């Protein structure tokens, strides 16, 4: 326990989220000054993309996870504009709604 207590003051200002992969933590620690670790995590998590994912799973789109994953892949890989992704989501939602008719 004394080792953990000794380490606590060093990292008291910022701790990596539990969801952060160990290898990523190691890279951040190696490449980025300690006082900037939190900023690096914020940049990497990119809340805008998480917000987009949440939007696609809610009304009016309500897309299944596999379709959201494909749209997000395009967003990440090809740098699509958010409006383009939402337009594609609208088209998919329209196709899905046709099944019930």
PDB file of N, CA and C in Angstrom:
ATOM      1  N   UNK A   1       0.805  -1.197   0.000  1.00  0.00           N
ATOM      2  CA  UNK A   1       0.000   0.000   0.000  1.00  0.00           C
ATOM      3  C   UNK A   1       0.851   1.265   0.000  1.00  0.00           C
ATOM      4  N   UNK A   2       2.007   1.221   0.646  1.00  0.00           N
ATOM      5  CA  UNK A   2       2.835   2.418   0.734  1.00  0.00           C
ATOM      6  C   UNK A   2       3.326   2.865  -0.641  1.00  0.00           C
ATOM      7  N   UNK A   3       3.554   1.909  -1.562  1.00  0.00           N
ATOM      8  CA  UNK A   3       3.970   2.279  -2.919  1.00  0.00           C
ATOM      9  C   UNK A   3       2.861   3.049  -3.619  1.00  0.00           C
ATOM     10  N   UNK A   4       1.607   2.572  -3.480  1.00  0.00           N
ATOM     11  CA  UNK A   4       0.477   3.255  -4.106  1.00  0.00           C
ATOM     12  C   UNK A   4       0.319   4.655  -3.537  1.00  0.00           C
ATOM     13  N   UNK A   5       0.490   4.784  -2.225  1.00  0.00           N
ATOM     14  CA  UNK A   5       0.371   6.088  -1.598  1.00  0.00           C
ATOM     15  C   UNK A   5       1.481   7.017  -2.081  1.00  0.00           C
ATOM     16  N   UNK A   6       2.654   6.468  -2.294  1.00  0.00           N
ATOM     17  CA  UNK A   6       3.772   7.275  -2.778  1.00  0.00           C
ATOM     18  C   UNK A   6       3.525   7.755  -4.203  1.00  0.00           C
ATOM     19  N   UNK A   7       2.850   6.927  -5.009  1.00  0.00           N
ATOM     20  CA  UNK A   7       2.571   7.299  -6.397  1.00  0.00           C
ATOM     21  C   UNK A   7       1.406   8.280  -6.491  1.00  0.00           C
ATOM     22  N   UNK A   8       0.476   8.228  -5.567  1.00  0.00           N
ATOM     23  CA  UNK A   8      -0.734   9.043  -5.629  1.00  0.00           C
ATOM     24  C   UNK A   8      -0.465  10.542  -5.754  1.00  0.00           C
ATOM     25  N   UNK A   9       0.414  11.127  -4.956  1.00  0.00           N
ATOM     26  CA  UNK A   9       0.620  12.571  -5.077  1.00  0.00           C
ATOM     27  C   UNK A   9       1.102  12.994  -6.458  1.00  0.00           C
ATOM     28  N   UNK A  10       1.923  12.169  -7.102  1.00  0.00           N
ATOM     29  CA  UNK A  10       2.429  12.516  -8.438  1.00  0.00           C
ATOM     30  C   UNK A  10       1.291  12.635  -9.441  1.00  0.00           C
ATOM     31  N   UNK A  11       0.339  11.698  -9.405  1.00  0.00           N
ATOM     32  CA  UNK A  11      -0.733  11.679 -10.386  1.00  0.00           C
ATOM     33  C   UNK A  11      -2.042  12.225  -9.863  1.00  0.00           C
ATOM     34  N   UNK A  12      -2.017  12.924  -8.733  1.00  0.00           N
ATOM     35  CA  UNK A  12      -3.248  13.399  -8.110  1.00  0.00           C
ATOM     36  C   UNK A  12      -4.009  14.373  -9.005  1.00  0.00           C
ATOM     37  N   UNK A  13      -3.304  15.167  -9.814  1.00  0.00           N
ATOM     38  CA  UNK A  13      -3.973  16.154 -10.642  1.00  0.00           C
ATOM     39  C   UNK A  13      -4.695  15.524 -11.834  1.00  0.00           C
ATOM     40  N   UNK A  14      -4.214  14.412 -12.328  1.00  0.00           N
ATOM     41  CA  UNK A  14      -4.851  13.765 -13.471  1.00  0.00           C
ATOM     42  C   UNK A  14      -4.572  12.280 -13.445  1.00  0.00           C
ATOM     43  N   UNK A  15      -5.612  11.514 -13.712  1.00  0.00           N
ATOM     44  CA  UNK A  15      -5.474  10.071 -13.844  1.00  0.00           C
ATOM     45  C   UNK A  15      -6.128   9.645 -15.140  1.00  0.00           C
ATOM     46  N   UNK A  16      -5.531   8.716 -15.837  1.00  0.00           N
ATOM     47  CA  UNK A  16      -6.108   8.249 -17.091  1.00  0.00           C
ATOM     48  C   UNK A  16      -7.453   7.578 -16.825  1.00  0.00           C
ATOM     49  N   UNK A  17      -8.450   7.806 -17.689  1.00  0.00           N
ATOM     50  CA  UNK A  17      -9.714   7.084 -17.547  1.00  0.00           C
ATOM     51  C   UNK A  17      -9.460   5.581 -17.650  1.00  0.00           C
ATOM     52  N   UNK A  18     -10.260   4.784 -16.950  1.00  0.00           N
ATOM     53  CA  UNK A  18     -10.070   3.331 -16.950  1.00  0.00           C
ATOM     54  C   UNK A  18     -10.179   2.742 -18.352  1.00  0.00           C
ATOM     55  N   UNK A  19     -10.929   3.410 -19.232  1.00  0.00           N
ATOM     56  CA  UNK A  19     -11.111   2.903 -20.594  1.00  0.00           C
ATOM     57  C   UNK A  19      -9.894   3.142 -21.490  1.00  0.00           C
ATOM     58  N   UNK A  20      -8.916   3.883 -21.006  1.00  0.00           N
ATOM     59  CA  UNK A  20      -7.726   4.171 -21.808  1.00  0.00           C
ATOM     60  C   UNK A  20      -6.831   2.935 -21.879  1.00  0.00           C
ATOM     61  N   UNK A  21      -6.572   2.439 -23.096  1.00  0.00           N
ATOM     62  CA  UNK A  21      -5.698   1.263 -23.232  1.00  0.00           C
ATOM     63  C   UNK A  21      -4.307   1.528 -22.653  1.00  0.00           C
ATOM     64  N   UNK A  22      -3.728   0.494 -22.059  1.00  0.00           N
ATOM     65  CA  UNK A  22      -2.414   0.603 -21.407  1.00  0.00           C
ATOM     66  C   UNK A  22      -1.344   1.103 -22.384  1.00  0.00           C
ATOM     67  N   UNK A  23      -1.354   0.567 -23.608  1.00  0.00           N
ATOM     68  CA  UNK A  23      -0.350   0.975 -24.601  1.00  0.00           C
ATOM     69  C   UNK A  23      -0.481   2.466 -24.925  1.00  0.00           C
ATOM     70  N   UNK A  24      -1.709   2.939 -25.021  1.00  0.00           N
ATOM     71  CA  UNK A  24      -1.931   4.359 -25.284  1.00  0.00           C
ATOM     72  C   UNK A  24      -1.411   5.204 -24.119  1.00  0.00           C
ATOM     73  N   UNK A  25      -1.678   4.766 -22.897  1.00  0.00           N
ATOM     74  CA  UNK A  25      -1.157   5.474 -21.722  1.00  0.00           C
ATOM     75  C   UNK A  25       0.363   5.571 -21.786  1.00  0.00           C
ATOM     76  N   UNK A  26       0.996   4.449 -22.128  1.00  0.00           N
ATOM     77  CA  UNK A  26       2.458   4.421 -22.204  1.00  0.00           C
ATOM     78  C   UNK A  26       2.977   5.389 -23.265  1.00  0.00           C
ATOM     79  N   UNK A  27       2.313   5.424 -24.419  1.00  0.00           N
ATOM     80  CA  UNK A  27       2.732   6.332 -25.495  1.00  0.00           C
ATOM     81  C   UNK A  27       2.583   7.788 -25.063  1.00  0.00           C
ATOM     82  N   UNK A  28       1.451   8.093 -24.431  1.00  0.00           N
ATOM     83  CA  UNK A  28       1.228   9.462 -23.968  1.00  0.00           C
ATOM     84  C   UNK A  28       2.294   9.854 -22.952  1.00  0.00           C
ATOM     85  N   UNK A  29       2.550   8.959 -21.998  1.00  0.00           N
ATOM     86  CA  UNK A  29       3.558   9.244 -20.969  1.00  0.00           C
ATOM     87  C   UNK A  29       4.941   9.446 -21.579  1.00  0.00           C
ATOM     88  N   UNK A  30       5.230   8.695 -22.633  1.00  0.00           N
ATOM     89  CA  UNK A  30       6.539   8.761 -23.278  1.00  0.00           C
ATOM     90  C   UNK A  30       6.689  10.023 -24.136  1.00  0.00           C
ATOM     91  N   UNK A  31       5.632  10.416 -24.833  1.00  0.00           N
ATOM     92  CA  UNK A  31       5.739  11.465 -25.839  1.00  0.00           C
ATOM     93  C   UNK A  31       5.264  12.849 -25.406  1.00  0.00           C
ATOM     94  N   UNK A  32       4.418  12.909 -24.379  1.00  0.00           N
ATOM     95  CA  UNK A  32       3.781  14.178 -24.021  1.00  0.00           C
ATOM     96  C   UNK A  32       4.122  14.539 -22.578  1.00  0.00           C
ATOM     97  N   UNK A  33       4.461  15.808 -22.332  1.00  0.00           N
ATOM     98  CA  UNK A  33       4.760  16.223 -20.955  1.00  0.00           C
ATOM     99  C   UNK A  33       3.581  15.936 -20.019  1.00  0.00           C
ATOM    100  N   UNK A  34       3.890  15.564 -18.793  1.00  0.00           N
ATOM    101  CA  UNK A  34       2.884  15.136 -17.821  1.00  0.00           C
ATOM    102  C   UNK A  34       1.760  16.153 -17.644  1.00  0.00           C
ATOM    103  N   UNK A  35       2.100  17.431 -17.623  1.00  0.00           N
ATOM    104  CA  UNK A  35       1.073  18.453 -17.405  1.00  0.00           C
ATOM    105  C   UNK A  35       0.091  18.567 -18.579  1.00  0.00           C
ATOM    106  N   UNK A  36       0.408  17.934 -19.708  1.00  0.00           N
ATOM    107  CA  UNK A  36      -0.470  17.984 -20.883  1.00  0.00           C
ATOM    108  C   UNK A  36      -1.200  16.663 -21.145  1.00  0.00           C
ATOM    109  N   UNK A  37      -1.056  15.685 -20.261  1.00  0.00           N
ATOM    110  CA  UNK A  37      -1.703  14.383 -20.463  1.00  0.00           C
ATOM    111  C   UNK A  37      -3.220  14.509 -20.572  1.00  0.00           C
ATOM    112  N   UNK A  38      -3.828  15.282 -19.688  1.00  0.00           N
ATOM    113  CA  UNK A  38      -5.288  15.427 -19.708  1.00  0.00           C
ATOM    114  C   UNK A  38      -5.748  16.031 -21.029  1.00  0.00           C
ATOM    115  N   UNK A  39      -5.042  17.027 -21.508  1.00  0.00           N
ATOM    116  CA  UNK A  39      -5.385  17.663 -22.782  1.00  0.00           C
ATOM    117  C   UNK A  39      -5.283  16.652 -23.928  1.00  0.00           C
ATOM    118  N   UNK A  40      -4.275  15.800 -23.892  1.00  0.00           N
ATOM    119  CA  UNK A  40      -4.107  14.777 -24.927  1.00  0.00           C
ATOM    120  C   UNK A  40      -5.286  13.810 -24.937  1.00  0.00           C
ATOM    121  N   UNK A  41      -5.731  13.392 -23.753  1.00  0.00           N
ATOM    122  CA  UNK A  41      -6.874  12.473 -23.667  1.00  0.00           C
ATOM    123  C   UNK A  41      -8.131  13.132 -24.221  1.00  0.00           C
ATOM    124  N   UNK A  42      -8.346  14.399 -23.900  1.00  0.00           N
ATOM    125  CA  UNK A  42      -9.519  15.114 -24.409  1.00  0.00           C
ATOM    126  C   UNK A  42      -9.491  15.146 -25.933  1.00  0.00           C
ATOM    127  N   UNK A  43      -8.340  15.427 -26.496  1.00  0.00           N
ATOM    128  CA  UNK A  43      -8.207  15.466 -27.958  1.00  0.00           C
ATOM    129  C   UNK A  43      -8.486  14.092 -28.553  1.00  0.00           C
ATOM    130  N   UNK A  44      -7.942  13.054 -27.945  1.00  0.00           N
ATOM    131  CA  UNK A  44      -8.108  11.701 -28.479  1.00  0.00           C
ATOM    132  C   UNK A  44      -9.542  11.198 -28.370  1.00  0.00           C
ATOM    133  N   UNK A  45     -10.238  11.582 -27.331  1.00  0.00           N
ATOM    134  CA  UNK A  45     -11.603  11.092 -27.140  1.00  0.00           C
ATOM    135  C   UNK A  45     -12.573  11.771 -28.099  1.00  0.00           C
ATOM    136  N   UNK A  46     -12.309  12.991 -28.462  1.00  0.00           N
ATOM    137  CA  UNK A  46     -13.108  13.762 -29.404  1.00  0.00           C
ATOM    138  C   UNK A  46     -14.603  13.616 -29.154  1.00  0.00           C
ATOM    139  N   UNK A  47     -15.096  14.386 -28.240  1.00  0.00           N
ATOM    140  CA  UNK A  47     -16.500  14.315 -27.841  1.00  0.00           C
ATOM    141  C   UNK A  47     -17.468  14.595 -28.977  1.00  0.00           C
ATOM    142  N   UNK A  48     -17.031  15.330 -29.983  1.00  0.00           N
ATOM    143  CA  UNK A  48     -17.908  15.611 -31.117  1.00  0.00           C
ATOM    144  C   UNK A  48     -18.303  14.314 -31.805  1.00  0.00           C
ATOM    145  N   UNK A  49     -17.341  13.416 -31.983  1.00  0.00           N
ATOM    146  CA  UNK A  49     -17.636  12.148 -32.645  1.00  0.00           C
ATOM    147  C   UNK A  49     -18.531  11.277 -31.775  1.00  0.00           C
ATOM    148  N   UNK A  50     -18.324  11.307 -30.459  1.00  0.00           N
ATOM    149  CA  UNK A  50     -19.202  10.553 -29.564  1.00  0.00           C
ATOM    150  C   UNK A  50     -20.610  11.126 -29.629  1.00  0.00           C
ATOM    151  N   UNK A  51     -20.715  12.442 -29.682  1.00  0.00           N
ATOM    152  CA  UNK A  51     -22.022  13.083 -29.801  1.00  0.00           C
ATOM    153  C   UNK A  51     -22.712  12.688 -31.093  1.00  0.00           C
ATOM    154  N   UNK A  52     -21.954  12.597 -32.169  1.00  0.00           N
ATOM    155  CA  UNK A  52     -22.513  12.176 -33.448  1.00  0.00           C
ATOM    156  C   UNK A  52     -23.021  10.740 -33.356  1.00  0.00           C
ATOM    157  N   UNK A  53     -22.252   9.881 -32.723  1.00  0.00           N
ATOM    158  CA  UNK A  53     -22.656   8.480 -32.541  1.00  0.00           C
ATOM    159  C   UNK A  53     -23.969   8.412 -31.748  1.00  0.00           C
ATOM    160  N   UNK A  54     -24.057   9.206 -30.692  1.00  0.00           N
ATOM    161  CA  UNK A  54     -25.278   9.242 -29.880  1.00  0.00           C
ATOM    162  C   UNK A  54     -26.463   9.738 -30.696  1.00  0.00           C
ATOM    163  N   UNK A  55     -26.239  10.750 -31.514  1.00  0.00           N
ATOM    164  CA  UNK A  55     -27.294  11.301 -32.360  1.00  0.00           C
ATOM    165  C   UNK A  55     -27.820  10.261 -33.333  1.00  0.00           C
ATOM    166  N   UNK A  56     -26.927   9.503 -33.941  1.00  0.00           N
ATOM    167  CA  UNK A  56     -27.338   8.507 -34.932  1.00  0.00           C
ATOM    168  C   UNK A  56     -28.145   7.365 -34.318  1.00  0.00           C
ATOM    169  N   UNK A  57     -27.954   7.111 -33.024  1.00  0.00           N
ATOM    170  CA  UNK A  57     -28.686   6.017 -32.383  1.00  0.00           C
ATOM    171  C   UNK A  57     -30.034   6.475 -31.817  1.00  0.00           C
ATOM    172  N   UNK A  58     -30.282   7.782 -31.806  1.00  0.00           N
ATOM    173  CA  UNK A  58     -31.521   8.335 -31.255  1.00  0.00           C
ATOM    174  C   UNK A  58     -32.479   8.742 -32.378  1.00  0.00           C
ATOM    175  N   UNK A  59     -33.671   9.179 -31.977  1.00  0.00           N
ATOM    176  CA  UNK A  59     -34.633   9.689 -32.964  1.00  0.00           C
ATOM    177  C   UNK A  59     -34.063  10.939 -33.618  1.00  0.00           C
ATOM    178  N   UNK A  60     -34.310  11.212 -34.855  1.00  0.00           N
ATOM    179  CA  UNK A  60     -35.191  10.487 -35.772  1.00  0.00           C
ATOM    180  C   UNK A  60     -34.507   9.343 -36.520  1.00  0.00           C
ATOM    181  N   UNK A  61     -33.205   9.162 -36.291  1.00  0.00           N
ATOM    182  CA  UNK A  61     -32.461   8.172 -37.072  1.00  0.00           C
ATOM    183  C   UNK A  61     -32.652   6.748 -36.549  1.00  0.00           C
ATOM    184  N   UNK A  62     -32.351   6.533 -35.278  1.00  0.00           N
ATOM    185  CA  UNK A  62     -32.463   5.220 -34.631  1.00  0.00           C
ATOM    186  C   UNK A  62     -31.815   4.104 -35.452  1.00  0.00           C
ATOM    187  N   UNK A  63     -30.585   4.344 -35.889  1.00  0.00           N
ATOM    188  CA  UNK A  63     -29.870   3.362 -36.704  1.00  0.00           C
ATOM    189  C   UNK A  63     -29.275   2.267 -35.822  1.00  0.00           C
ATOM    190  N   UNK A  64     -29.180   1.046 -36.363  1.00  0.00           N
ATOM    191  CA  UNK A  64     -28.529  -0.034 -35.610  1.00  0.00           C
ATOM    192  C   UNK A  64     -27.016   0.211 -35.523  1.00  0.00           C
ATOM    193  N   UNK A  65     -26.406  -0.428 -34.540  1.00  0.00           N
ATOM    194  CA  UNK A  65     -24.982  -0.220 -34.264  1.00  0.00           C
ATOM    195  C   UNK A  65     -24.091  -0.483 -35.475  1.00  0.00           C
ATOM    196  N   UNK A  66     -24.411  -1.495 -36.271  1.00  0.00           N
ATOM    197  CA  UNK A  66     -23.563  -1.822 -37.425  1.00  0.00           C
ATOM    198  C   UNK A  66     -23.577  -0.707 -38.473  1.00  0.00           C
ATOM    199  N   UNK A  67     -24.743  -0.085 -38.672  1.00  0.00           N
ATOM    200  CA  UNK A  67     -24.823   1.023 -39.634  1.00  0.00           C
ATOM    201  C   UNK A  67     -24.096   2.253 -39.096  1.00  0.00           C
ATOM    202  N   UNK A  68     -24.247   2.498 -37.801  1.00  0.00           N
ATOM    203  CA  UNK A  68     -23.541   3.621 -37.180  1.00  0.00           C
ATOM    204  C   UNK A  68     -22.034   3.419 -37.318  1.00  0.00           C
ATOM    205  N   UNK A  69     -21.590   2.194 -37.094  1.00  0.00           N
ATOM    206  CA  UNK A  69     -20.154   1.896 -37.200  1.00  0.00           C
ATOM    207  C   UNK A  69     -19.635   2.196 -38.604  1.00  0.00           C
ATOM    208  N   UNK A  70     -20.399   1.828 -39.620  1.00  0.00           N
ATOM    209  CA  UNK A  70     -19.967   2.073 -40.999  1.00  0.00           C
ATOM    210  C   UNK A  70     -19.943   3.574 -41.303  1.00  0.00           C
ATOM    211  N   UNK A  71     -20.965   4.288 -40.864  1.00  0.00           N
ATOM    212  CA  UNK A  71     -20.973   5.737 -41.072  1.00  0.00           C
ATOM    213  C   UNK A  71     -19.812   6.407 -40.334  1.00  0.00           C
ATOM    214  N   UNK A  72     -19.552   5.967 -39.118  1.00  0.00           N
ATOM    215  CA  UNK A  72     -18.455   6.545 -38.344  1.00  0.00           C
ATOM    216  C   UNK A  72     -17.104   6.214 -38.971  1.00  0.00           C
ATOM    217  N   UNK A  73     -17.001   5.032 -39.556  1.00  0.00           N
ATOM    218  CA  UNK A  73     -15.758   4.657 -40.240  1.00  0.00           C
ATOM    219  C   UNK A  73     -15.489   5.648 -41.369  1.00  0.00           C
ATOM    220  N   UNK A  74     -16.535   5.979 -42.122  1.00  0.00           N
ATOM    221  CA  UNK A  74     -16.382   6.966 -43.186  1.00  0.00           C
ATOM    222  C   UNK A  74     -16.004   8.323 -42.609  1.00  0.00           C
ATOM    223  N   UNK A  75     -16.599   8.658 -41.487  1.00  0.00           N
ATOM    224  CA  UNK A  75     -16.310   9.935 -40.835  1.00  0.00           C
ATOM    225  C   UNK A  75     -14.841  10.016 -40.449  1.00  0.00           C
ATOM    226  N   UNK A  76     -14.333   8.945 -39.840  1.00  0.00           N
ATOM    227  CA  UNK A  76     -12.929   8.923 -39.421  1.00  0.00           C
ATOM    228  C   UNK A  76     -11.983   8.818 -40.612  1.00  0.00           C
ATOM    229  N   UNK A  77     -12.256   7.887 -41.527  1.00  0.00           N
ATOM    230  CA  UNK A  77     -11.322   7.576 -42.610  1.00  0.00           C
ATOM    231  C   UNK A  77     -11.271   8.639 -43.695  1.00  0.00           C
ATOM    232  N   UNK A  78     -12.433   9.177 -44.038  1.00  0.00           N
ATOM    233  CA  UNK A  78     -12.494  10.071 -45.187  1.00  0.00           C
ATOM    234  C   UNK A  78     -12.722  11.524 -44.801  1.00  0.00           C
ATOM    235  N   UNK A  79     -12.838  11.775 -43.519  1.00  0.00           N
ATOM    236  CA  UNK A  79     -13.016  13.149 -43.066  1.00  0.00           C
ATOM    237  C   UNK A  79     -14.311  13.777 -43.535  1.00  0.00           C
ATOM    238  N   UNK A  80     -15.372  12.981 -43.620  1.00  0.00           N
ATOM    239  CA  UNK A  80     -16.666  13.503 -44.047  1.00  0.00           C
ATOM    240  C   UNK A  80     -17.154  14.577 -43.084  1.00  0.00           C
ATOM    241  N   UNK A  81     -17.840  15.554 -43.630  1.00  0.00           N
ATOM    242  CA  UNK A  81     -18.467  16.584 -42.833  1.00  0.00           C
ATOM    243  C   UNK A  81     -19.638  15.976 -42.059  1.00  0.00           C
ATOM    244  N   UNK A  82     -19.911  16.485 -40.870  1.00  0.00           N
ATOM    245  CA  UNK A  82     -21.014  15.976 -40.055  1.00  0.00           C
ATOM    246  C   UNK A  82     -22.333  16.039 -40.814  1.00  0.00           C
ATOM    247  N   UNK A  83     -22.558  17.118 -41.554  1.00  0.00           N
ATOM    248  CA  UNK A  83     -23.804  17.264 -42.311  1.00  0.00           C
ATOM    249  C   UNK A  83     -23.965  16.132 -43.321  1.00  0.00           C
ATOM    250  N   UNK A  84     -22.877  15.720 -43.943  1.00  0.00           N
ATOM    251  CA  UNK A  84     -22.916  14.613 -44.902  1.00  0.00           C
ATOM    252  C   UNK A  84     -23.318  13.322 -44.208  1.00  0.00           C
ATOM    253  N   UNK A  85     -22.750  13.070 -43.036  1.00  0.00           N
ATOM    254  CA  UNK A  85     -23.081  11.860 -42.282  1.00  0.00           C
ATOM    255  C   UNK A  85     -24.553  11.879 -41.879  1.00  0.00           C
ATOM    256  N   UNK A  86     -25.051  13.019 -41.418  1.00  0.00           N
ATOM    257  CA  UNK A  86     -26.456  13.116 -41.017  1.00  0.00           C
ATOM    258  C   UNK A  86     -27.389  12.942 -42.209  1.00  0.00           C
ATOM    259  N   UNK A  87     -26.990  13.438 -43.359  1.00  0.00           N
ATOM    260  CA  UNK A  87     -27.795  13.247 -44.571  1.00  0.00           C
ATOM    261  C   UNK A  87     -27.878  11.771 -44.925  1.00  0.00           C
ATOM    262  N   UNK A  88     -26.744  11.079 -44.864  1.00  0.00           N
ATOM    263  CA  UNK A  88     -26.729   9.638 -45.143  1.00  0.00           C
ATOM    264  C   UNK A  88     -27.569   8.888 -44.110  1.00  0.00           C
ATOM    265  N   UNK A  89     -27.500   9.313 -42.859  1.00  0.00           N
ATOM    266  CA  UNK A  89     -28.301   8.690 -41.802  1.00  0.00           C
ATOM    267  C   UNK A  89     -29.789   8.889 -42.074  1.00  0.00           C
ATOM    268  N   UNK A  90     -30.160  10.073 -42.551  1.00  0.00           N
ATOM    269  CA  UNK A  90     -31.561  10.339 -42.901  1.00  0.00           C
ATOM    270  C   UNK A  90     -32.025   9.420 -44.019  1.00  0.00           C
ATOM    271  N   UNK A  91     -31.174   9.231 -45.013  1.00  0.00           N
ATOM    272  CA  UNK A  91     -31.515   8.343 -46.125  1.00  0.00           C
ATOM    273  C   UNK A  91     -31.704   6.912 -45.636  1.00  0.00           C
ATOM    274  N   UNK A  92     -30.816   6.458 -44.764  1.00  0.00           N
ATOM    275  CA  UNK A  92     -30.935   5.103 -44.212  1.00  0.00           C
ATOM    276  C   UNK A  92     -32.194   4.964 -43.368  1.00  0.00           C
ATOM    277  N   UNK A  93     -32.487   5.972 -42.545  1.00  0.00           N
ATOM    278  CA  UNK A  93     -33.687   5.936 -41.703  1.00  0.00           C
ATOM    279  C   UNK A  93     -34.937   5.857 -42.572  1.00  0.00           C
ATOM    280  N   UNK A  94     -34.930   6.567 -43.689  1.00  0.00           N
ATOM    281  CA  UNK A  94     -36.068   6.525 -44.620  1.00  0.00           C
ATOM    282  C   UNK A  94     -36.222   5.128 -45.212  1.00  0.00           C
ATOM    283  N   UNK A  95     -35.117   4.512 -45.612  1.00  0.00           N
ATOM    284  CA  UNK A  95     -35.174   3.146 -46.150  1.00  0.00           C
ATOM    285  C   UNK A  95     -35.699   2.164 -45.101  1.00  0.00           C
ATOM    286  N   UNK A  96     -35.247   2.326 -43.868  1.00  0.00           N
ATOM    287  CA  UNK A  96     -35.694   1.441 -42.788  1.00  0.00           C
ATOM    288  C   UNK A  96     -37.191   1.608 -42.549  1.00  0.00           C
ATOM    289  N   UNK A  97     -37.671   2.847 -42.618  1.00  0.00           N
ATOM    290  CA  UNK A  97     -39.097   3.095 -42.370  1.00  0.00           C
ATOM    291  C   UNK A  97     -39.983   2.487 -43.455  1.00  0.00           C
ATOM    292  N   UNK A  98     -39.437   2.258 -44.636  1.00  0.00           N
ATOM    293  CA  UNK A  98     -40.210   1.670 -45.734  1.00  0.00           C
ATOM    294  C   UNK A  98     -40.568   0.216 -45.466  1.00  0.00           C
ATOM    295  N   UNK A  99     -39.779  -0.464 -44.652  1.00  0.00           N
ATOM    296  CA  UNK A  99     -40.029  -1.878 -44.378  1.00  0.00           C
ATOM    297  C   UNK A  99     -41.370  -2.085 -43.681  1.00  0.00           C
ATOM    298  N   UNK A 100     -41.757  -1.179 -42.809  1.00  0.00           N
ATOM    299  CA  UNK A 100     -43.005  -1.318 -42.062  1.00  0.00           C
ATOM    300  C   UNK A 100     -44.246  -0.999 -42.877  1.00  0.00           C
ATOM    301  N   UNK A 101     -44.073  -0.470 -44.076  1.00  0.00           N
ATOM    302  CA  UNK A 101     -45.239  -0.055 -44.888  1.00  0.00           C
ATOM    303  C   UNK A 101     -45.708  -1.140 -45.812  1.00  0.00           C
TER     304      UNK A 101
END
